[in-house]
Amino acid sequence: MGQRVICRAPGGYSIRTPPRKLETDRNALISSTSEGQKAMQSQSKPKRPVGVIIIAVIAAAGGLLSLFGAASVFSGNATGPTWLAIVVVIFGLLGLTLGVGFYTGARWAWMGGIVIYIISILLGILEILYGGTVGAIGGVIRMVAGLVIPAYLTRQGPKTFFGRAPVSRSS
């Protein structure tokens, strides 16, 4: 152990470490803090791929459009069964939630996006069959998104961003 000095203080005695030892301890603390920051930086989240930004915008926009399409059925401005409009509202809310999850890189958004967009293929077929003109357009868009987005999410870059694959070192 380092050298200690006994000092007289008001109300009794205290043991202190000489200033040189304090300076050494302070330098060690600064060194270990900067090493810890470097380690945290190397473990930080990978850069957000441009494709993830694009699907985040598509998911949020699709969610809004679904809500508007369902609202038009509820208000009588578009044709289609009410039960289908309710399902479209649910998928609209899921789309908005996924848009935020994709953009922030939430780990749940990766698997949620794959599952929801694959299921949305079936919803797209139902919209084409029963949704009238508005539903048919939305159904085609939903089916294309249901094929493209899960295919993109299974690529290495998005998987790494969402923490589903090891980070590749490209330095």
N, C-alpha and C. Protein backbone atom coordinates (compact mmCIF):
# COMPACT_ATOMS: atom_id res chain seq x y z
N MET A 1 0.83 -1.18 0.00
CA MET A 1 0.00 0.00 0.00
C MET A 1 0.87 1.23 0.00
N GLY A 2 0.27 2.35 -0.39
CA GLY A 2 0.99 3.62 -0.45
C GLY A 2 1.20 4.20 0.94
N GLN A 3 2.08 5.17 1.03
CA GLN A 3 2.40 5.84 2.29
C GLN A 3 1.22 6.68 2.73
N ARG A 4 0.94 6.65 4.04
CA ARG A 4 -0.16 7.42 4.60
C ARG A 4 0.39 8.41 5.61
N VAL A 5 -0.28 9.53 5.75
CA VAL A 5 0.13 10.58 6.65
C VAL A 5 -0.99 10.84 7.63
N ILE A 6 -0.65 10.93 8.91
CA ILE A 6 -1.65 11.26 9.92
C ILE A 6 -1.66 12.77 10.09
N CYS A 7 -2.85 13.36 9.97
CA CYS A 7 -2.98 14.81 10.06
C CYS A 7 -3.95 15.16 11.18
N ARG A 8 -3.65 16.27 11.85
CA ARG A 8 -4.55 16.75 12.90
C ARG A 8 -5.63 17.58 12.23
N ALA A 9 -6.89 17.22 12.51
CA ALA A 9 -8.03 17.94 11.96
C ALA A 9 -8.92 18.35 13.12
N PRO A 10 -9.77 19.36 12.91
CA PRO A 10 -10.67 19.75 13.99
C PRO A 10 -11.52 18.55 14.42
N GLY A 11 -11.52 18.27 15.69
CA GLY A 11 -12.32 17.18 16.22
C GLY A 11 -11.62 15.84 16.19
N GLY A 12 -10.36 15.74 15.84
CA GLY A 12 -9.66 14.47 15.88
C GLY A 12 -8.55 14.39 14.85
N TYR A 13 -8.14 13.17 14.57
CA TYR A 13 -7.07 12.94 13.62
C TYR A 13 -7.65 12.27 12.37
N SER A 14 -6.99 12.44 11.25
CA SER A 14 -7.41 11.74 10.03
C SER A 14 -6.18 11.23 9.30
N ILE A 15 -6.39 10.21 8.50
CA ILE A 15 -5.29 9.64 7.72
C ILE A 15 -5.50 10.07 6.28
N ARG A 16 -4.47 10.62 5.72
CA ARG A 16 -4.55 11.09 4.34
C ARG A 16 -3.43 10.49 3.51
N THR A 17 -3.69 10.39 2.23
CA THR A 17 -2.68 9.94 1.28
C THR A 17 -1.94 11.17 0.79
N PRO A 18 -0.65 11.09 0.68
CA PRO A 18 0.11 12.25 0.19
C PRO A 18 -0.36 12.68 -1.20
N PRO A 19 -0.21 13.95 -1.57
CA PRO A 19 -0.67 14.46 -2.86
C PRO A 19 -0.17 13.68 -4.07
N ARG A 20 1.05 13.19 -4.04
CA ARG A 20 1.59 12.46 -5.19
C ARG A 20 0.74 11.22 -5.47
N LYS A 21 0.34 10.50 -4.45
CA LYS A 21 -0.50 9.31 -4.62
C LYS A 21 -1.86 9.71 -5.19
N LEU A 22 -2.42 10.81 -4.70
CA LEU A 22 -3.70 11.27 -5.22
C LEU A 22 -3.60 11.59 -6.70
N GLU A 23 -2.49 12.24 -7.09
CA GLU A 23 -2.30 12.58 -8.50
C GLU A 23 -2.22 11.32 -9.35
N THR A 24 -1.52 10.29 -8.85
CA THR A 24 -1.41 9.02 -9.57
C THR A 24 -2.79 8.36 -9.70
N ASP A 25 -3.56 8.36 -8.58
CA ASP A 25 -4.90 7.78 -8.62
C ASP A 25 -5.80 8.53 -9.60
N ARG A 26 -5.70 9.86 -9.63
CA ARG A 26 -6.51 10.67 -10.54
C ARG A 26 -6.17 10.34 -11.98
N ASN A 27 -4.88 10.21 -12.30
CA ASN A 27 -4.47 9.87 -13.67
C ASN A 27 -4.94 8.48 -14.07
N ALA A 28 -4.90 7.53 -13.11
CA ALA A 28 -5.39 6.18 -13.40
C ALA A 28 -6.89 6.21 -13.67
N LEU A 29 -7.63 7.01 -12.90
CA LEU A 29 -9.07 7.12 -13.10
C LEU A 29 -9.39 7.72 -14.47
N ILE A 30 -8.67 8.77 -14.85
CA ILE A 30 -8.88 9.39 -16.16
C ILE A 30 -8.57 8.40 -17.26
N SER A 31 -7.48 7.65 -17.11
CA SER A 31 -7.08 6.68 -18.13
C SER A 31 -8.13 5.58 -18.27
N SER A 32 -8.60 5.06 -17.12
CA SER A 32 -9.58 3.98 -17.20
C SER A 32 -10.92 4.48 -17.75
N THR A 33 -11.27 5.74 -17.47
CA THR A 33 -12.52 6.31 -17.99
C THR A 33 -12.45 6.44 -19.51
N SER A 34 -11.33 6.93 -20.03
CA SER A 34 -11.22 7.08 -21.48
C SER A 34 -11.17 5.72 -22.17
N GLU A 35 -10.55 4.72 -21.53
CA GLU A 35 -10.55 3.38 -22.11
C GLU A 35 -11.96 2.81 -22.12
N GLY A 36 -12.73 3.07 -21.05
CA GLY A 36 -14.11 2.61 -20.98
C GLY A 36 -14.97 3.26 -22.05
N GLN A 37 -14.73 4.56 -22.30
CA GLN A 37 -15.48 5.24 -23.35
C GLN A 37 -15.14 4.68 -24.71
N LYS A 38 -13.87 4.36 -24.95
CA LYS A 38 -13.48 3.76 -26.23
C LYS A 38 -14.13 2.40 -26.41
N ALA A 39 -14.19 1.62 -25.33
CA ALA A 39 -14.83 0.30 -25.41
C ALA A 39 -16.31 0.44 -25.70
N MET A 40 -16.97 1.42 -25.06
CA MET A 40 -18.39 1.63 -25.31
C MET A 40 -18.63 2.09 -26.74
N GLN A 41 -17.73 2.92 -27.27
CA GLN A 41 -17.90 3.38 -28.65
C GLN A 41 -17.77 2.22 -29.62
N SER A 42 -16.85 1.26 -29.33
CA SER A 42 -16.69 0.14 -30.24
C SER A 42 -17.90 -0.80 -30.18
N GLN A 43 -18.65 -0.78 -29.06
CA GLN A 43 -19.82 -1.63 -28.93
C GLN A 43 -21.11 -0.90 -29.30
N SER A 44 -21.01 0.33 -29.78
CA SER A 44 -22.20 1.10 -30.08
C SER A 44 -22.93 0.52 -31.29
N LYS A 45 -24.15 0.98 -31.47
CA LYS A 45 -25.02 0.50 -32.55
C LYS A 45 -24.40 0.84 -33.90
N PRO A 46 -24.46 -0.10 -34.85
CA PRO A 46 -23.94 0.19 -36.19
C PRO A 46 -24.73 1.32 -36.85
N LYS A 47 -24.13 1.91 -37.85
CA LYS A 47 -24.78 3.01 -38.57
C LYS A 47 -26.08 2.52 -39.22
N ARG A 48 -27.10 3.37 -39.18
CA ARG A 48 -28.42 3.03 -39.74
C ARG A 48 -28.30 2.96 -41.26
N PRO A 49 -28.62 1.81 -41.87
CA PRO A 49 -28.59 1.73 -43.33
C PRO A 49 -29.67 2.61 -43.96
N VAL A 50 -29.39 3.13 -45.14
CA VAL A 50 -30.34 3.99 -45.85
C VAL A 50 -31.64 3.22 -46.12
N GLY A 51 -31.53 1.94 -46.44
CA GLY A 51 -32.72 1.13 -46.69
C GLY A 51 -33.64 1.05 -45.48
N VAL A 52 -33.06 1.06 -44.28
CA VAL A 52 -33.87 1.03 -43.06
C VAL A 52 -34.64 2.34 -42.91
N ILE A 53 -34.00 3.45 -43.25
CA ILE A 53 -34.69 4.74 -43.22
C ILE A 53 -35.85 4.72 -44.21
N ILE A 54 -35.61 4.18 -45.39
CA ILE A 54 -36.65 4.13 -46.43
C ILE A 54 -37.83 3.27 -45.97
N ILE A 55 -37.55 2.07 -45.40
CA ILE A 55 -38.68 1.24 -44.97
C ILE A 55 -39.38 1.83 -43.74
N ALA A 56 -38.65 2.60 -42.93
CA ALA A 56 -39.31 3.28 -41.80
C ALA A 56 -40.32 4.29 -42.31
N VAL A 57 -39.93 5.04 -43.35
CA VAL A 57 -40.84 6.03 -43.94
C VAL A 57 -42.00 5.32 -44.63
N ILE A 58 -41.71 4.24 -45.35
CA ILE A 58 -42.76 3.49 -46.04
C ILE A 58 -43.75 2.91 -45.03
N ALA A 59 -43.24 2.35 -43.93
CA ALA A 59 -44.12 1.76 -42.92
C ALA A 59 -45.02 2.82 -42.29
N ALA A 60 -44.43 3.96 -41.93
CA ALA A 60 -45.23 5.03 -41.31
C ALA A 60 -46.25 5.59 -42.30
N ALA A 61 -45.80 5.84 -43.54
CA ALA A 61 -46.72 6.37 -44.56
C ALA A 61 -47.82 5.35 -44.87
N GLY A 62 -47.47 4.09 -44.97
CA GLY A 62 -48.47 3.05 -45.20
C GLY A 62 -49.46 2.96 -44.06
N GLY A 63 -48.96 3.14 -42.84
CA GLY A 63 -49.86 3.15 -41.69
C GLY A 63 -50.86 4.29 -41.76
N LEU A 64 -50.36 5.49 -42.11
CA LEU A 64 -51.27 6.64 -42.25
C LEU A 64 -52.28 6.43 -43.37
N LEU A 65 -51.80 5.94 -44.51
CA LEU A 65 -52.71 5.71 -45.64
C LEU A 65 -53.75 4.65 -45.30
N SER A 66 -53.35 3.63 -44.54
CA SER A 66 -54.32 2.62 -44.12
C SER A 66 -55.39 3.23 -43.23
N LEU A 67 -54.97 4.09 -42.31
CA LEU A 67 -55.94 4.74 -41.44
C LEU A 67 -56.89 5.63 -42.23
N PHE A 68 -56.36 6.36 -43.22
CA PHE A 68 -57.22 7.20 -44.06
C PHE A 68 -58.17 6.35 -44.90
N GLY A 69 -57.67 5.23 -45.44
CA GLY A 69 -58.52 4.35 -46.23
C GLY A 69 -59.65 3.75 -45.40
N ALA A 70 -59.32 3.32 -44.19
CA ALA A 70 -60.36 2.77 -43.32
C ALA A 70 -61.35 3.85 -42.92
N ALA A 71 -60.85 5.05 -42.66
CA ALA A 71 -61.75 6.15 -42.30
C ALA A 71 -62.71 6.47 -43.44
N SER A 72 -62.23 6.34 -44.67
CA SER A 72 -63.13 6.61 -45.80
C SER A 72 -64.23 5.56 -45.90
N VAL A 73 -63.94 4.32 -45.50
CA VAL A 73 -64.98 3.30 -45.48
C VAL A 73 -65.97 3.59 -44.36
N PHE A 74 -65.46 3.95 -43.19
CA PHE A 74 -66.34 4.25 -42.05
C PHE A 74 -67.25 5.45 -42.33
N SER A 75 -66.73 6.42 -43.08
CA SER A 75 -67.53 7.62 -43.37
C SER A 75 -68.46 7.44 -44.55
N GLY A 76 -68.34 6.34 -45.29
CA GLY A 76 -69.21 6.09 -46.43
C GLY A 76 -68.67 6.64 -47.74
N ASN A 77 -67.46 7.18 -47.73
CA ASN A 77 -66.86 7.72 -48.96
C ASN A 77 -66.20 6.64 -49.82
N ALA A 78 -66.03 5.45 -49.29
CA ALA A 78 -65.45 4.34 -50.06
C ALA A 78 -66.25 3.08 -49.74
N THR A 79 -66.15 2.10 -50.63
CA THR A 79 -66.88 0.86 -50.43
C THR A 79 -65.98 -0.17 -49.77
N GLY A 80 -66.60 -1.13 -49.14
CA GLY A 80 -65.87 -2.22 -48.50
C GLY A 80 -66.52 -2.60 -47.21
N PRO A 81 -66.32 -3.85 -46.81
CA PRO A 81 -66.94 -4.31 -45.57
C PRO A 81 -66.30 -3.66 -44.34
N THR A 82 -67.10 -3.44 -43.32
CA THR A 82 -66.62 -2.80 -42.10
C THR A 82 -65.57 -3.64 -41.40
N TRP A 83 -65.74 -4.96 -41.41
CA TRP A 83 -64.76 -5.83 -40.75
C TRP A 83 -63.38 -5.69 -41.37
N LEU A 84 -63.34 -5.50 -42.69
CA LEU A 84 -62.05 -5.31 -43.36
C LEU A 84 -61.45 -3.96 -42.99
N ALA A 85 -62.29 -2.95 -42.87
CA ALA A 85 -61.81 -1.63 -42.46
C ALA A 85 -61.22 -1.67 -41.05
N ILE A 86 -61.83 -2.46 -40.18
CA ILE A 86 -61.29 -2.60 -38.82
C ILE A 86 -59.92 -3.27 -38.84
N VAL A 87 -59.77 -4.30 -39.66
CA VAL A 87 -58.47 -4.97 -39.78
C VAL A 87 -57.44 -4.00 -40.37
N VAL A 88 -57.86 -3.19 -41.32
CA VAL A 88 -56.95 -2.20 -41.92
C VAL A 88 -56.53 -1.17 -40.89
N VAL A 89 -57.43 -0.77 -39.99
CA VAL A 89 -57.06 0.15 -38.90
C VAL A 89 -55.97 -0.47 -38.03
N ILE A 90 -56.15 -1.74 -37.69
CA ILE A 90 -55.16 -2.43 -36.86
C ILE A 90 -53.81 -2.44 -37.56
N PHE A 91 -53.81 -2.77 -38.85
CA PHE A 91 -52.55 -2.79 -39.59
C PHE A 91 -52.00 -1.38 -39.78
N GLY A 92 -52.85 -0.39 -39.86
CA GLY A 92 -52.38 1.00 -39.93
C GLY A 92 -51.64 1.40 -38.67
N LEU A 93 -52.19 1.04 -37.52
CA LEU A 93 -51.52 1.34 -36.25
C LEU A 93 -50.21 0.55 -36.12
N LEU A 94 -50.22 -0.69 -36.57
CA LEU A 94 -48.99 -1.48 -36.56
C LEU A 94 -47.94 -0.86 -37.49
N GLY A 95 -48.37 -0.35 -38.64
CA GLY A 95 -47.45 0.30 -39.57
C GLY A 95 -46.80 1.53 -38.96
N LEU A 96 -47.59 2.35 -38.27
CA LEU A 96 -47.02 3.53 -37.61
C LEU A 96 -46.01 3.11 -36.54
N THR A 97 -46.38 2.11 -35.76
CA THR A 97 -45.48 1.62 -34.71
C THR A 97 -44.20 1.04 -35.31
N LEU A 98 -44.33 0.26 -36.37
CA LEU A 98 -43.15 -0.30 -37.02
C LEU A 98 -42.26 0.79 -37.62
N GLY A 99 -42.88 1.83 -38.17
CA GLY A 99 -42.08 2.93 -38.72
C GLY A 99 -41.16 3.54 -37.67
N VAL A 100 -41.71 3.77 -36.49
CA VAL A 100 -40.89 4.30 -35.39
C VAL A 100 -39.84 3.27 -34.97
N GLY A 101 -40.26 2.01 -34.85
CA GLY A 101 -39.32 0.95 -34.45
C GLY A 101 -38.20 0.76 -35.45
N PHE A 102 -38.51 0.80 -36.74
CA PHE A 102 -37.47 0.69 -37.76
C PHE A 102 -36.49 1.85 -37.65
N TYR A 103 -37.02 3.05 -37.52
CA TYR A 103 -36.15 4.23 -37.50
C TYR A 103 -35.23 4.23 -36.28
N THR A 104 -35.76 3.85 -35.13
CA THR A 104 -34.94 3.86 -33.91
C THR A 104 -34.07 2.62 -33.78
N GLY A 105 -34.31 1.62 -34.61
CA GLY A 105 -33.50 0.41 -34.54
C GLY A 105 -33.92 -0.51 -33.41
N ALA A 106 -35.17 -0.42 -33.00
CA ALA A 106 -35.66 -1.28 -31.92
C ALA A 106 -35.53 -2.74 -32.33
N ARG A 107 -35.01 -3.53 -31.43
CA ARG A 107 -34.75 -4.94 -31.73
C ARG A 107 -36.03 -5.68 -32.11
N TRP A 108 -37.16 -5.37 -31.49
CA TRP A 108 -38.43 -6.03 -31.77
C TRP A 108 -38.95 -5.70 -33.17
N ALA A 109 -38.55 -4.55 -33.72
CA ALA A 109 -39.08 -4.13 -35.02
C ALA A 109 -38.62 -5.06 -36.15
N TRP A 110 -37.45 -5.67 -36.00
CA TRP A 110 -36.93 -6.55 -37.06
C TRP A 110 -37.88 -7.75 -37.23
N MET A 111 -38.09 -8.51 -36.15
CA MET A 111 -38.96 -9.68 -36.26
C MET A 111 -40.41 -9.27 -36.47
N GLY A 112 -40.85 -8.23 -35.78
CA GLY A 112 -42.22 -7.75 -35.95
C GLY A 112 -42.49 -7.34 -37.39
N GLY A 113 -41.52 -6.67 -38.02
CA GLY A 113 -41.68 -6.25 -39.41
C GLY A 113 -41.80 -7.43 -40.35
N ILE A 114 -40.96 -8.42 -40.14
CA ILE A 114 -41.02 -9.61 -41.01
C ILE A 114 -42.38 -10.30 -40.88
N VAL A 115 -42.80 -10.53 -39.65
CA VAL A 115 -44.06 -11.25 -39.42
C VAL A 115 -45.25 -10.44 -39.95
N ILE A 116 -45.32 -9.17 -39.58
CA ILE A 116 -46.48 -8.35 -39.96
C ILE A 116 -46.55 -8.16 -41.47
N TYR A 117 -45.41 -7.94 -42.12
CA TYR A 117 -45.47 -7.73 -43.57
C TYR A 117 -45.78 -9.01 -44.33
N ILE A 118 -45.37 -10.16 -43.81
CA ILE A 118 -45.76 -11.42 -44.47
C ILE A 118 -47.26 -11.65 -44.29
N ILE A 119 -47.78 -11.39 -43.10
CA ILE A 119 -49.23 -11.52 -42.88
C ILE A 119 -50.00 -10.51 -43.74
N SER A 120 -49.40 -9.34 -43.97
CA SER A 120 -50.10 -8.31 -44.75
C SER A 120 -50.31 -8.72 -46.21
N ILE A 121 -49.59 -9.72 -46.69
CA ILE A 121 -49.84 -10.23 -48.04
C ILE A 121 -51.27 -10.76 -48.12
N LEU A 122 -51.67 -11.50 -47.08
CA LEU A 122 -53.05 -12.01 -47.03
C LEU A 122 -54.05 -10.86 -46.97
N LEU A 123 -53.75 -9.85 -46.17
CA LEU A 123 -54.63 -8.68 -46.09
C LEU A 123 -54.72 -7.98 -47.45
N GLY A 124 -53.61 -7.92 -48.17
CA GLY A 124 -53.62 -7.32 -49.50
C GLY A 124 -54.54 -8.06 -50.45
N ILE A 125 -54.51 -9.39 -50.36
CA ILE A 125 -55.41 -10.19 -51.20
C ILE A 125 -56.87 -9.91 -50.84
N LEU A 126 -57.17 -9.85 -49.54
CA LEU A 126 -58.54 -9.54 -49.11
C LEU A 126 -58.97 -8.15 -49.56
N GLU A 127 -58.05 -7.19 -49.51
CA GLU A 127 -58.38 -5.83 -49.95
C GLU A 127 -58.68 -5.80 -51.45
N ILE A 128 -57.93 -6.57 -52.22
CA ILE A 128 -58.18 -6.62 -53.66
C ILE A 128 -59.55 -7.24 -53.94
N LEU A 129 -59.86 -8.31 -53.22
CA LEU A 129 -61.13 -9.01 -53.46
C LEU A 129 -62.34 -8.25 -52.94
N TYR A 130 -62.24 -7.62 -51.77
CA TYR A 130 -63.42 -7.06 -51.12
C TYR A 130 -63.37 -5.55 -50.90
N GLY A 131 -62.27 -4.91 -51.20
CA GLY A 131 -62.10 -3.53 -50.79
C GLY A 131 -62.50 -2.47 -51.78
N GLY A 132 -63.04 -2.80 -52.91
CA GLY A 132 -63.41 -1.78 -53.88
C GLY A 132 -62.15 -1.15 -54.50
N THR A 133 -62.31 0.02 -55.09
CA THR A 133 -61.20 0.67 -55.79
C THR A 133 -60.08 1.06 -54.85
N VAL A 134 -60.42 1.72 -53.74
CA VAL A 134 -59.39 2.15 -52.78
C VAL A 134 -58.68 0.93 -52.21
N GLY A 135 -59.45 -0.09 -51.87
CA GLY A 135 -58.86 -1.31 -51.32
C GLY A 135 -57.98 -2.04 -52.31
N ALA A 136 -58.35 -2.04 -53.57
CA ALA A 136 -57.55 -2.73 -54.58
C ALA A 136 -56.18 -2.08 -54.72
N ILE A 137 -56.14 -0.76 -54.75
CA ILE A 137 -54.86 -0.05 -54.85
C ILE A 137 -54.02 -0.34 -53.61
N GLY A 138 -54.64 -0.19 -52.44
CA GLY A 138 -53.93 -0.48 -51.20
C GLY A 138 -53.49 -1.93 -51.10
N GLY A 139 -54.31 -2.84 -51.61
CA GLY A 139 -53.96 -4.26 -51.58
C GLY A 139 -52.73 -4.59 -52.40
N VAL A 140 -52.64 -3.99 -53.58
CA VAL A 140 -51.46 -4.23 -54.42
C VAL A 140 -50.20 -3.69 -53.73
N ILE A 141 -50.29 -2.47 -53.21
CA ILE A 141 -49.15 -1.87 -52.51
C ILE A 141 -48.77 -2.72 -51.31
N ARG A 142 -49.77 -3.18 -50.55
CA ARG A 142 -49.52 -3.99 -49.36
C ARG A 142 -48.84 -5.31 -49.73
N MET A 143 -49.26 -5.93 -50.84
CA MET A 143 -48.65 -7.19 -51.26
C MET A 143 -47.20 -7.01 -51.68
N VAL A 144 -46.93 -5.95 -52.42
CA VAL A 144 -45.54 -5.68 -52.83
C VAL A 144 -44.67 -5.44 -51.60
N ALA A 145 -45.16 -4.61 -50.67
CA ALA A 145 -44.41 -4.35 -49.43
C ALA A 145 -44.23 -5.63 -48.63
N GLY A 146 -45.24 -6.49 -48.64
CA GLY A 146 -45.16 -7.75 -47.91
C GLY A 146 -44.12 -8.70 -48.45
N LEU A 147 -43.74 -8.52 -49.69
CA LEU A 147 -42.67 -9.33 -50.28
C LEU A 147 -41.31 -8.66 -50.15
N VAL A 148 -41.25 -7.36 -50.42
CA VAL A 148 -39.96 -6.65 -50.49
C VAL A 148 -39.37 -6.38 -49.11
N ILE A 149 -40.17 -5.91 -48.17
CA ILE A 149 -39.64 -5.51 -46.87
C ILE A 149 -39.06 -6.69 -46.09
N PRO A 150 -39.75 -7.82 -45.97
CA PRO A 150 -39.10 -8.95 -45.27
C PRO A 150 -37.83 -9.43 -45.98
N ALA A 151 -37.83 -9.40 -47.30
CA ALA A 151 -36.62 -9.80 -48.03
C ALA A 151 -35.46 -8.86 -47.70
N TYR A 152 -35.73 -7.56 -47.62
CA TYR A 152 -34.67 -6.60 -47.28
C TYR A 152 -34.20 -6.78 -45.84
N LEU A 153 -35.14 -6.98 -44.93
CA LEU A 153 -34.77 -7.08 -43.51
C LEU A 153 -33.88 -8.28 -43.21
N THR A 154 -33.89 -9.30 -44.06
CA THR A 154 -33.05 -10.48 -43.83
C THR A 154 -31.65 -10.33 -44.40
N ARG A 155 -31.34 -9.18 -44.99
CA ARG A 155 -29.99 -8.93 -45.49
C ARG A 155 -29.07 -8.61 -44.32
N GLN A 156 -27.76 -8.72 -44.54
CA GLN A 156 -26.77 -8.56 -43.47
C GLN A 156 -26.81 -7.18 -42.82
N GLY A 157 -26.89 -6.10 -43.60
CA GLY A 157 -26.86 -4.75 -43.03
C GLY A 157 -28.00 -4.48 -42.05
N PRO A 158 -29.24 -4.71 -42.46
CA PRO A 158 -30.34 -4.51 -41.52
C PRO A 158 -30.28 -5.46 -40.32
N LYS A 159 -29.92 -6.71 -40.55
CA LYS A 159 -29.82 -7.65 -39.43
C LYS A 159 -28.80 -7.16 -38.40
N THR A 160 -27.68 -6.65 -38.86
CA THR A 160 -26.66 -6.13 -37.95
C THR A 160 -27.18 -4.90 -37.22
N PHE A 161 -27.84 -3.99 -37.93
CA PHE A 161 -28.37 -2.78 -37.32
C PHE A 161 -29.36 -3.09 -36.21
N PHE A 162 -30.20 -4.10 -36.42
CA PHE A 162 -31.20 -4.46 -35.42
C PHE A 162 -30.66 -5.44 -34.38
N GLY A 163 -29.36 -5.71 -34.43
CA GLY A 163 -28.75 -6.58 -33.42
C GLY A 163 -29.04 -8.05 -33.62
N ARG A 164 -29.35 -8.45 -34.83
CA ARG A 164 -29.69 -9.84 -35.13
C ARG A 164 -28.55 -10.59 -35.82
N ALA A 165 -27.43 -9.90 -36.04
CA ALA A 165 -26.26 -10.54 -36.65
C ALA A 165 -25.04 -9.86 -36.04
N PRO A 166 -23.90 -10.55 -36.03
CA PRO A 166 -22.69 -9.93 -35.47
C PRO A 166 -22.25 -8.75 -36.30
N VAL A 167 -21.66 -7.76 -35.61
CA VAL A 167 -21.15 -6.58 -36.29
C VAL A 167 -19.91 -6.96 -37.06
N SER A 168 -19.87 -6.65 -38.35
CA SER A 168 -18.69 -6.95 -39.15
C SER A 168 -17.69 -5.81 -39.01
N ARG A 169 -16.43 -6.17 -38.85
CA ARG A 169 -15.37 -5.17 -38.71
C ARG A 169 -14.81 -4.85 -40.08
N SER A 170 -15.05 -3.65 -40.57
CA SER A 170 -14.59 -3.29 -41.91
C SER A 170 -13.48 -2.25 -41.83
N SER A 171 -12.61 -2.33 -40.79
CA SER A 171 -11.53 -1.35 -40.70
C SER A 171 -10.21 -1.92 -41.08
